[in-house]
mmCIF file of all heavy atoms, coordinates in Angstrom:
data_MODEL
# 
_entry.id   MODEL 
# 
loop_
_atom_site.group_PDB 
_atom_site.id 
_atom_site.type_symbol 
_atom_site.label_atom_id 
_atom_site.label_alt_id 
_atom_site.label_comp_id 
_atom_site.label_asym_id 
_atom_site.label_entity_id 
_atom_site.label_seq_id 
_atom_site.pdbx_PDB_ins_code 
_atom_site.Cartn_x 
_atom_site.Cartn_y 
_atom_site.Cartn_z 
_atom_site.occupancy 
_atom_site.B_iso_or_equiv 
_atom_site.pdbx_formal_charge 
_atom_site.auth_seq_id 
_atom_site.auth_comp_id 
_atom_site.auth_asym_id 
_atom_site.auth_atom_id 
_atom_site.pdbx_PDB_model_num 
ATOM 1   N N   . LYS A 1 1  ? -30.186 -1.568  -19.771 1.00 0.00 ? 1  LYS A N   1 
ATOM 2   C CA  . LYS A 1 1  ? -31.379 -2.365  -19.914 1.00 0.00 ? 1  LYS A CA  1 
ATOM 3   C C   . LYS A 1 1  ? -30.996 -3.841  -20.089 1.00 0.00 ? 1  LYS A C   1 
ATOM 4   O O   . LYS A 1 1  ? -30.000 -4.102  -20.721 1.00 0.00 ? 1  LYS A O   1 
ATOM 5   C CB  . LYS A 1 1  ? -32.208 -1.944  -21.176 1.00 0.00 ? 1  LYS A CB  1 
ATOM 6   C CG  . LYS A 1 1  ? -32.746 -0.527  -21.075 1.00 0.00 ? 1  LYS A CG  1 
ATOM 7   C CD  . LYS A 1 1  ? -33.460 -0.198  -22.411 1.00 0.00 ? 1  LYS A CD  1 
ATOM 8   C CE  . LYS A 1 1  ? -33.655 1.322   -22.421 1.00 0.00 ? 1  LYS A CE  1 
ATOM 9   N NZ  . LYS A 1 1  ? -34.142 1.761   -23.794 1.00 0.00 ? 1  LYS A NZ  1 
ATOM 10  N N   . SER A 1 2  ? -31.851 -4.691  -19.634 1.00 0.00 ? 2  SER A N   1 
ATOM 11  C CA  . SER A 1 2  ? -31.637 -6.167  -19.871 1.00 0.00 ? 2  SER A CA  1 
ATOM 12  C C   . SER A 1 2  ? -32.620 -6.623  -20.940 1.00 0.00 ? 2  SER A C   1 
ATOM 13  O O   . SER A 1 2  ? -33.876 -6.478  -20.748 1.00 0.00 ? 2  SER A O   1 
ATOM 14  C CB  . SER A 1 2  ? -31.882 -6.858  -18.570 1.00 0.00 ? 2  SER A CB  1 
ATOM 15  O OG  . SER A 1 2  ? -31.721 -8.306  -18.819 1.00 0.00 ? 2  SER A OG  1 
ATOM 16  N N   . VAL A 1 3  ? -32.086 -7.152  -22.022 1.00 0.00 ? 3  VAL A N   1 
ATOM 17  C CA  . VAL A 1 3  ? -32.918 -7.653  -23.150 1.00 0.00 ? 3  VAL A CA  1 
ATOM 18  C C   . VAL A 1 3  ? -32.562 -9.107  -23.400 1.00 0.00 ? 3  VAL A C   1 
ATOM 19  O O   . VAL A 1 3  ? -31.455 -9.371  -23.809 1.00 0.00 ? 3  VAL A O   1 
ATOM 20  C CB  . VAL A 1 3  ? -32.763 -6.783  -24.418 1.00 0.00 ? 3  VAL A CB  1 
ATOM 21  C CG1 . VAL A 1 3  ? -33.571 -7.338  -25.530 1.00 0.00 ? 3  VAL A CG1 1 
ATOM 22  C CG2 . VAL A 1 3  ? -33.072 -5.353  -24.122 1.00 0.00 ? 3  VAL A CG2 1 
ATOM 23  N N   . ASN A 1 4  ? -33.499 -10.018 -23.140 1.00 0.00 ? 4  ASN A N   1 
ATOM 24  C CA  . ASN A 1 4  ? -33.235 -11.467 -23.336 1.00 0.00 ? 4  ASN A CA  1 
ATOM 25  C C   . ASN A 1 4  ? -32.037 -12.003 -22.619 1.00 0.00 ? 4  ASN A C   1 
ATOM 26  O O   . ASN A 1 4  ? -31.240 -12.738 -23.165 1.00 0.00 ? 4  ASN A O   1 
ATOM 27  C CB  . ASN A 1 4  ? -33.157 -11.766 -24.803 1.00 0.00 ? 4  ASN A CB  1 
ATOM 28  C CG  . ASN A 1 4  ? -34.433 -11.513 -25.535 1.00 0.00 ? 4  ASN A CG  1 
ATOM 29  O OD1 . ASN A 1 4  ? -35.570 -11.585 -24.917 1.00 0.00 ? 4  ASN A OD1 1 
ATOM 30  N ND2 . ASN A 1 4  ? -34.326 -11.154 -26.770 1.00 0.00 ? 4  ASN A ND2 1 
ATOM 31  N N   . GLY A 1 5  ? -31.770 -11.510 -21.380 1.00 0.00 ? 5  GLY A N   1 
ATOM 32  C CA  . GLY A 1 5  ? -30.652 -11.978 -20.617 1.00 0.00 ? 5  GLY A CA  1 
ATOM 33  C C   . GLY A 1 5  ? -29.342 -11.257 -20.927 1.00 0.00 ? 5  GLY A C   1 
ATOM 34  O O   . GLY A 1 5  ? -28.225 -11.596 -20.364 1.00 0.00 ? 5  GLY A O   1 
ATOM 35  N N   . GLN A 1 6  ? -29.275 -10.385 -21.885 1.00 0.00 ? 6  GLN A N   1 
ATOM 36  C CA  . GLN A 1 6  ? -28.098 -9.617  -22.259 1.00 0.00 ? 6  GLN A CA  1 
ATOM 37  C C   . GLN A 1 6  ? -28.345 -8.146  -22.024 1.00 0.00 ? 6  GLN A C   1 
ATOM 38  O O   . GLN A 1 6  ? -29.457 -7.632  -22.059 1.00 0.00 ? 6  GLN A O   1 
ATOM 39  C CB  . GLN A 1 6  ? -27.750 -9.890  -23.705 1.00 0.00 ? 6  GLN A CB  1 
ATOM 40  C CG  . GLN A 1 6  ? -27.333 -11.323 -23.984 1.00 0.00 ? 6  GLN A CG  1 
ATOM 41  C CD  . GLN A 1 6  ? -26.795 -11.536 -25.328 1.00 0.00 ? 6  GLN A CD  1 
ATOM 42  O OE1 . GLN A 1 6  ? -26.972 -10.707 -26.201 1.00 0.00 ? 6  GLN A OE1 1 
ATOM 43  N NE2 . GLN A 1 6  ? -26.061 -12.609 -25.543 1.00 0.00 ? 6  GLN A NE2 1 
ATOM 44  N N   . LEU A 1 7  ? -27.226 -7.446  -21.719 1.00 0.00 ? 7  LEU A N   1 
ATOM 45  C CA  . LEU A 1 7  ? -27.353 -6.039  -21.396 1.00 0.00 ? 7  LEU A CA  1 
ATOM 46  C C   . LEU A 1 7  ? -27.181 -5.125  -22.631 1.00 0.00 ? 7  LEU A C   1 
ATOM 47  O O   . LEU A 1 7  ? -26.360 -5.414  -23.513 1.00 0.00 ? 7  LEU A O   1 
ATOM 48  C CB  . LEU A 1 7  ? -26.291 -5.656  -20.369 1.00 0.00 ? 7  LEU A CB  1 
ATOM 49  C CG  . LEU A 1 7  ? -26.350 -6.427  -19.090 1.00 0.00 ? 7  LEU A CG  1 
ATOM 50  C CD1 . LEU A 1 7  ? -25.193 -5.995  -18.144 1.00 0.00 ? 7  LEU A CD1 1 
ATOM 51  C CD2 . LEU A 1 7  ? -27.661 -6.147  -18.355 1.00 0.00 ? 7  LEU A CD2 1 
ATOM 52  N N   . VAL A 1 8  ? -27.954 -4.081  -22.661 1.00 0.00 ? 8  VAL A N   1 
ATOM 53  C CA  . VAL A 1 8  ? -27.820 -3.010  -23.663 1.00 0.00 ? 8  VAL A CA  1 
ATOM 54  C C   . VAL A 1 8  ? -27.534 -1.737  -22.896 1.00 0.00 ? 8  VAL A C   1 
ATOM 55  O O   . VAL A 1 8  ? -28.295 -1.332  -22.034 1.00 0.00 ? 8  VAL A O   1 
ATOM 56  C CB  . VAL A 1 8  ? -29.096 -2.867  -24.551 1.00 0.00 ? 8  VAL A CB  1 
ATOM 57  C CG1 . VAL A 1 8  ? -28.948 -1.697  -25.474 1.00 0.00 ? 8  VAL A CG1 1 
ATOM 58  C CG2 . VAL A 1 8  ? -29.432 -4.099  -25.213 1.00 0.00 ? 8  VAL A CG2 1 
ATOM 59  N N   . ILE A 1 9  ? -26.359 -1.117  -23.176 1.00 0.00 ? 9  ILE A N   1 
ATOM 60  C CA  . ILE A 1 9  ? -25.890 0.063   -22.467 1.00 0.00 ? 9  ILE A CA  1 
ATOM 61  C C   . ILE A 1 9  ? -25.873 1.253   -23.356 1.00 0.00 ? 9  ILE A C   1 
ATOM 62  O O   . ILE A 1 9  ? -25.316 1.235   -24.451 1.00 0.00 ? 9  ILE A O   1 
ATOM 63  C CB  . ILE A 1 9  ? -24.489 -0.230  -21.885 1.00 0.00 ? 9  ILE A CB  1 
ATOM 64  C CG1 . ILE A 1 9  ? -24.531 -1.445  -20.902 1.00 0.00 ? 9  ILE A CG1 1 
ATOM 65  C CG2 . ILE A 1 9  ? -23.957 1.004   -21.165 1.00 0.00 ? 9  ILE A CG2 1 
ATOM 66  C CD1 . ILE A 1 9  ? -23.217 -1.920  -20.500 1.00 0.00 ? 9  ILE A CD1 1 
ATOM 67  N N   . ASN A 1 10 ? -26.457 2.352   -22.936 1.00 0.00 ? 10 ASN A N   1 
ATOM 68  C CA  . ASN A 1 10 ? -26.447 3.639   -23.669 1.00 0.00 ? 10 ASN A CA  1 
ATOM 69  C C   . ASN A 1 10 ? -25.649 4.633   -22.828 1.00 0.00 ? 10 ASN A C   1 
ATOM 70  O O   . ASN A 1 10 ? -25.917 4.785   -21.648 1.00 0.00 ? 10 ASN A O   1 
ATOM 71  C CB  . ASN A 1 10 ? -27.818 4.162   -23.865 1.00 0.00 ? 10 ASN A CB  1 
ATOM 72  C CG  . ASN A 1 10 ? -28.677 3.279   -24.789 1.00 0.00 ? 10 ASN A CG  1 
ATOM 73  O OD1 . ASN A 1 10 ? -28.145 2.764   -25.776 1.00 0.00 ? 10 ASN A OD1 1 
ATOM 74  N ND2 . ASN A 1 10 ? -29.936 3.166   -24.586 1.00 0.00 ? 10 ASN A ND2 1 
ATOM 75  N N   . LEU A 1 11 ? -24.705 5.249   -23.429 1.00 0.00 ? 11 LEU A N   1 
ATOM 76  C CA  . LEU A 1 11 ? -23.867 6.284   -22.809 1.00 0.00 ? 11 LEU A CA  1 
ATOM 77  C C   . LEU A 1 11 ? -23.971 7.588   -23.496 1.00 0.00 ? 11 LEU A C   1 
ATOM 78  O O   . LEU A 1 11 ? -23.859 7.679   -24.740 1.00 0.00 ? 11 LEU A O   1 
ATOM 79  C CB  . LEU A 1 11 ? -22.346 5.847   -22.813 1.00 0.00 ? 11 LEU A CB  1 
ATOM 80  C CG  . LEU A 1 11 ? -22.016 4.563   -22.118 1.00 0.00 ? 11 LEU A CG  1 
ATOM 81  C CD1 . LEU A 1 11 ? -20.582 4.164   -22.425 1.00 0.00 ? 11 LEU A CD1 1 
ATOM 82  C CD2 . LEU A 1 11 ? -22.151 4.787   -20.634 1.00 0.00 ? 11 LEU A CD2 1 
ATOM 83  N N   . HIS A 1 12 ? -24.144 8.685   -22.751 1.00 0.00 ? 12 HIS A N   1 
ATOM 84  C CA  . HIS A 1 12 ? -24.085 10.020  -23.325 1.00 0.00 ? 12 HIS A CA  1 
ATOM 85  C C   . HIS A 1 12 ? -22.861 10.699  -22.652 1.00 0.00 ? 12 HIS A C   1 
ATOM 86  O O   . HIS A 1 12 ? -22.863 10.887  -21.427 1.00 0.00 ? 12 HIS A O   1 
ATOM 87  C CB  . HIS A 1 12 ? -25.385 10.755  -22.970 1.00 0.00 ? 12 HIS A CB  1 
ATOM 88  C CG  . HIS A 1 12 ? -26.549 10.150  -23.643 1.00 0.00 ? 12 HIS A CG  1 
ATOM 89  N ND1 . HIS A 1 12 ? -27.005 10.660  -24.864 1.00 0.00 ? 12 HIS A ND1 1 
ATOM 90  C CD2 . HIS A 1 12 ? -27.391 9.103   -23.317 1.00 0.00 ? 12 HIS A CD2 1 
ATOM 91  C CE1 . HIS A 1 12 ? -28.101 9.946   -25.220 1.00 0.00 ? 12 HIS A CE1 1 
ATOM 92  N NE2 . HIS A 1 12 ? -28.342 9.024   -24.313 1.00 0.00 ? 12 HIS A NE2 1 
ATOM 93  N N   . ILE A 1 13 ? -21.938 11.106  -23.520 1.00 0.00 ? 13 ILE A N   1 
ATOM 94  C CA  . ILE A 1 13 ? -20.675 11.640  -22.965 1.00 0.00 ? 13 ILE A CA  1 
ATOM 95  C C   . ILE A 1 13 ? -20.284 12.974  -23.579 1.00 0.00 ? 13 ILE A C   1 
ATOM 96  O O   . ILE A 1 13 ? -20.858 13.359  -24.625 1.00 0.00 ? 13 ILE A O   1 
ATOM 97  C CB  . ILE A 1 13 ? -19.548 10.616  -23.227 1.00 0.00 ? 13 ILE A CB  1 
ATOM 98  C CG1 . ILE A 1 13 ? -19.255 10.417  -24.749 1.00 0.00 ? 13 ILE A CG1 1 
ATOM 99  C CG2 . ILE A 1 13 ? -19.743 9.329   -22.543 1.00 0.00 ? 13 ILE A CG2 1 
ATOM 100 C CD1 . ILE A 1 13 ? -17.977 9.658   -25.010 1.00 0.00 ? 13 ILE A CD1 1 
ATOM 101 N N   . SER A 1 14 ? -19.299 13.624  -23.014 1.00 0.00 ? 14 SER A N   1 
ATOM 102 C CA  . SER A 1 14 ? -18.653 14.776  -23.635 1.00 0.00 ? 14 SER A CA  1 
ATOM 103 C C   . SER A 1 14 ? -17.180 14.437  -23.832 1.00 0.00 ? 14 SER A C   1 
ATOM 104 O O   . SER A 1 14 ? -16.590 13.732  -22.997 1.00 0.00 ? 14 SER A O   1 
ATOM 105 C CB  . SER A 1 14 ? -18.834 15.974  -22.772 1.00 0.00 ? 14 SER A CB  1 
ATOM 106 O OG  . SER A 1 14 ? -18.191 15.846  -21.517 1.00 0.00 ? 14 SER A OG  1 
ATOM 107 N N   . VAL A 1 15 ? -16.607 14.886  -24.908 1.00 0.00 ? 15 VAL A N   1 
ATOM 108 C CA  . VAL A 1 15 ? -15.236 14.532  -25.207 1.00 0.00 ? 15 VAL A CA  1 
ATOM 109 C C   . VAL A 1 15 ? -14.415 15.850  -25.428 1.00 0.00 ? 15 VAL A C   1 
ATOM 110 O O   . VAL A 1 15 ? -14.961 16.934  -25.625 1.00 0.00 ? 15 VAL A O   1 
ATOM 111 C CB  . VAL A 1 15 ? -15.129 13.661  -26.475 1.00 0.00 ? 15 VAL A CB  1 
ATOM 112 C CG1 . VAL A 1 15 ? -15.766 12.327  -26.313 1.00 0.00 ? 15 VAL A CG1 1 
ATOM 113 C CG2 . VAL A 1 15 ? -15.685 14.360  -27.691 1.00 0.00 ? 15 VAL A CG2 1 
ATOM 114 N N   . SER A 1 16 ? -13.119 15.652  -25.350 1.00 0.00 ? 16 SER A N   1 
ATOM 115 C CA  . SER A 1 16 ? -12.185 16.822  -25.582 1.00 0.00 ? 16 SER A CA  1 
ATOM 116 C C   . SER A 1 16 ? -12.109 17.173  -27.044 1.00 0.00 ? 16 SER A C   1 
ATOM 117 O O   . SER A 1 16 ? -12.167 16.314  -27.906 1.00 0.00 ? 16 SER A O   1 
ATOM 118 C CB  . SER A 1 16 ? -10.795 16.433  -25.073 1.00 0.00 ? 16 SER A CB  1 
ATOM 119 O OG  . SER A 1 16 ? -10.787 16.193  -23.731 1.00 0.00 ? 16 SER A OG  1 
ATOM 120 N N   . TYR A 1 17 ? -11.927 18.432  -27.288 1.00 0.00 ? 17 TYR A N   1 
ATOM 121 C CA  . TYR A 1 17 ? -11.800 18.938  -28.668 1.00 0.00 ? 17 TYR A CA  1 
ATOM 122 C C   . TYR A 1 17 ? -10.399 18.475  -29.216 1.00 0.00 ? 17 TYR A C   1 
ATOM 123 O O   . TYR A 1 17 ? -9.443  18.459  -28.546 1.00 0.00 ? 17 TYR A O   1 
ATOM 124 C CB  . TYR A 1 17 ? -11.861 20.460  -28.715 1.00 0.00 ? 17 TYR A CB  1 
ATOM 125 C CG  . TYR A 1 17 ? -11.669 21.003  -30.103 1.00 0.00 ? 17 TYR A CG  1 
ATOM 126 C CD1 . TYR A 1 17 ? -12.652 20.993  -30.993 1.00 0.00 ? 17 TYR A CD1 1 
ATOM 127 C CD2 . TYR A 1 17 ? -10.449 21.521  -30.483 1.00 0.00 ? 17 TYR A CD2 1 
ATOM 128 C CE1 . TYR A 1 17 ? -12.534 21.510  -32.277 1.00 0.00 ? 17 TYR A CE1 1 
ATOM 129 C CE2 . TYR A 1 17 ? -10.276 22.051  -31.763 1.00 0.00 ? 17 TYR A CE2 1 
ATOM 130 C CZ  . TYR A 1 17 ? -11.323 22.027  -32.638 1.00 0.00 ? 17 TYR A CZ  1 
ATOM 131 O OH  . TYR A 1 17 ? -11.160 22.550  -33.899 1.00 0.00 ? 17 TYR A OH  1 
ATOM 132 N N   . GLY A 1 18 ? -10.405 17.967  -30.477 1.00 0.00 ? 18 GLY A N   1 
ATOM 133 C CA  . GLY A 1 18 ? -9.221  17.664  -31.124 1.00 0.00 ? 18 GLY A CA  1 
ATOM 134 C C   . GLY A 1 18 ? -8.772  16.170  -31.005 1.00 0.00 ? 18 GLY A C   1 
ATOM 135 O O   . GLY A 1 18 ? -7.748  15.758  -31.546 1.00 0.00 ? 18 GLY A O   1 
ATOM 136 N N   . VAL A 1 19 ? -9.622  15.361  -30.383 1.00 0.00 ? 19 VAL A N   1 
ATOM 137 C CA  . VAL A 1 19 ? -9.253  13.910  -30.274 1.00 0.00 ? 19 VAL A CA  1 
ATOM 138 C C   . VAL A 1 19 ? -10.068 13.179  -31.367 1.00 0.00 ? 19 VAL A C   1 
ATOM 139 O O   . VAL A 1 19 ? -11.013 13.594  -31.841 1.00 0.00 ? 19 VAL A O   1 
ATOM 140 C CB  . VAL A 1 19 ? -9.563  13.334  -28.893 1.00 0.00 ? 19 VAL A CB  1 
ATOM 141 C CG1 . VAL A 1 19 ? -8.690  14.013  -27.840 1.00 0.00 ? 19 VAL A CG1 1 
ATOM 142 C CG2 . VAL A 1 19 ? -11.040 13.586  -28.525 1.00 0.00 ? 19 VAL A CG2 1 
ATOM 143 N N   . ASN A 1 20 ? -9.517  11.988  -31.677 1.00 0.00 ? 20 ASN A N   1 
ATOM 144 C CA  . ASN A 1 20 ? -10.125 11.127  -32.647 1.00 0.00 ? 20 ASN A CA  1 
ATOM 145 C C   . ASN A 1 20 ? -11.401 10.430  -32.026 1.00 0.00 ? 20 ASN A C   1 
ATOM 146 O O   . ASN A 1 20 ? -11.244 9.563   -31.172 1.00 0.00 ? 20 ASN A O   1 
ATOM 147 C CB  . ASN A 1 20 ? -9.160  10.092  -33.112 1.00 0.00 ? 20 ASN A CB  1 
ATOM 148 C CG  . ASN A 1 20 ? -9.680  9.214   -34.214 1.00 0.00 ? 20 ASN A CG  1 
ATOM 149 O OD1 . ASN A 1 20 ? -10.864 9.078   -34.469 1.00 0.00 ? 20 ASN A OD1 1 
ATOM 150 N ND2 . ASN A 1 20 ? -8.752  8.536   -34.924 1.00 0.00 ? 20 ASN A ND2 1 
ATOM 151 N N   . ILE A 1 21 ? -12.578 10.855  -32.452 1.00 0.00 ? 21 ILE A N   1 
ATOM 152 C CA  . ILE A 1 21 ? -13.783 10.381  -31.838 1.00 0.00 ? 21 ILE A CA  1 
ATOM 153 C C   . ILE A 1 21 ? -14.010 8.894   -32.017 1.00 0.00 ? 21 ILE A C   1 
ATOM 154 O O   . ILE A 1 21 ? -14.413 8.179   -31.112 1.00 0.00 ? 21 ILE A O   1 
ATOM 155 C CB  . ILE A 1 21 ? -14.987 11.251  -32.300 1.00 0.00 ? 21 ILE A CB  1 
ATOM 156 C CG1 . ILE A 1 21 ? -14.845 12.608  -31.784 1.00 0.00 ? 21 ILE A CG1 1 
ATOM 157 C CG2 . ILE A 1 21 ? -16.290 10.557  -31.831 1.00 0.00 ? 21 ILE A CG2 1 
ATOM 158 C CD1 . ILE A 1 21 ? -15.918 13.588  -32.243 1.00 0.00 ? 21 ILE A CD1 1 
ATOM 159 N N   . SER A 1 22 ? -13.676 8.345   -33.226 1.00 0.00 ? 22 SER A N   1 
ATOM 160 C CA  . SER A 1 22 ? -13.914 6.944   -33.408 1.00 0.00 ? 22 SER A CA  1 
ATOM 161 C C   . SER A 1 22 ? -12.996 6.121   -32.537 1.00 0.00 ? 22 SER A C   1 
ATOM 162 O O   . SER A 1 22 ? -13.368 5.035   -32.035 1.00 0.00 ? 22 SER A O   1 
ATOM 163 C CB  . SER A 1 22 ? -13.668 6.600   -34.896 1.00 0.00 ? 22 SER A CB  1 
ATOM 164 O OG  . SER A 1 22 ? -12.385 6.818   -35.265 1.00 0.00 ? 22 SER A OG  1 
ATOM 165 N N   . ALA A 1 23 ? -11.766 6.595   -32.253 1.00 0.00 ? 23 ALA A N   1 
ATOM 166 C CA  . ALA A 1 23 ? -10.861 5.868   -31.392 1.00 0.00 ? 23 ALA A CA  1 
ATOM 167 C C   . ALA A 1 23 ? -11.352 5.880   -29.970 1.00 0.00 ? 23 ALA A C   1 
ATOM 168 O O   . ALA A 1 23 ? -11.299 4.915   -29.223 1.00 0.00 ? 23 ALA A O   1 
ATOM 169 C CB  . ALA A 1 23 ? -9.491  6.475   -31.474 1.00 0.00 ? 23 ALA A CB  1 
ATOM 170 N N   . ILE A 1 24 ? -11.901 7.060   -29.524 1.00 0.00 ? 24 ILE A N   1 
ATOM 171 C CA  . ILE A 1 24 ? -12.459 7.152   -28.230 1.00 0.00 ? 24 ILE A CA  1 
ATOM 172 C C   . ILE A 1 24 ? -13.659 6.199   -28.029 1.00 0.00 ? 24 ILE A C   1 
ATOM 173 O O   . ILE A 1 24 ? -13.748 5.456   -26.999 1.00 0.00 ? 24 ILE A O   1 
ATOM 174 C CB  . ILE A 1 24 ? -12.901 8.625   -27.905 1.00 0.00 ? 24 ILE A CB  1 
ATOM 175 C CG1 . ILE A 1 24 ? -11.652 9.522   -27.734 1.00 0.00 ? 24 ILE A CG1 1 
ATOM 176 C CG2 . ILE A 1 24 ? -13.727 8.669   -26.661 1.00 0.00 ? 24 ILE A CG2 1 
ATOM 177 C CD1 . ILE A 1 24 ? -12.009 10.957  -27.570 1.00 0.00 ? 24 ILE A CD1 1 
# 
């Protein structure tokens, strides 16, 4: 989405089990 000339991006993902989610 474009809000006031800047972009807002929403991502819905799947990740591998056992990885550090905050690092990803």
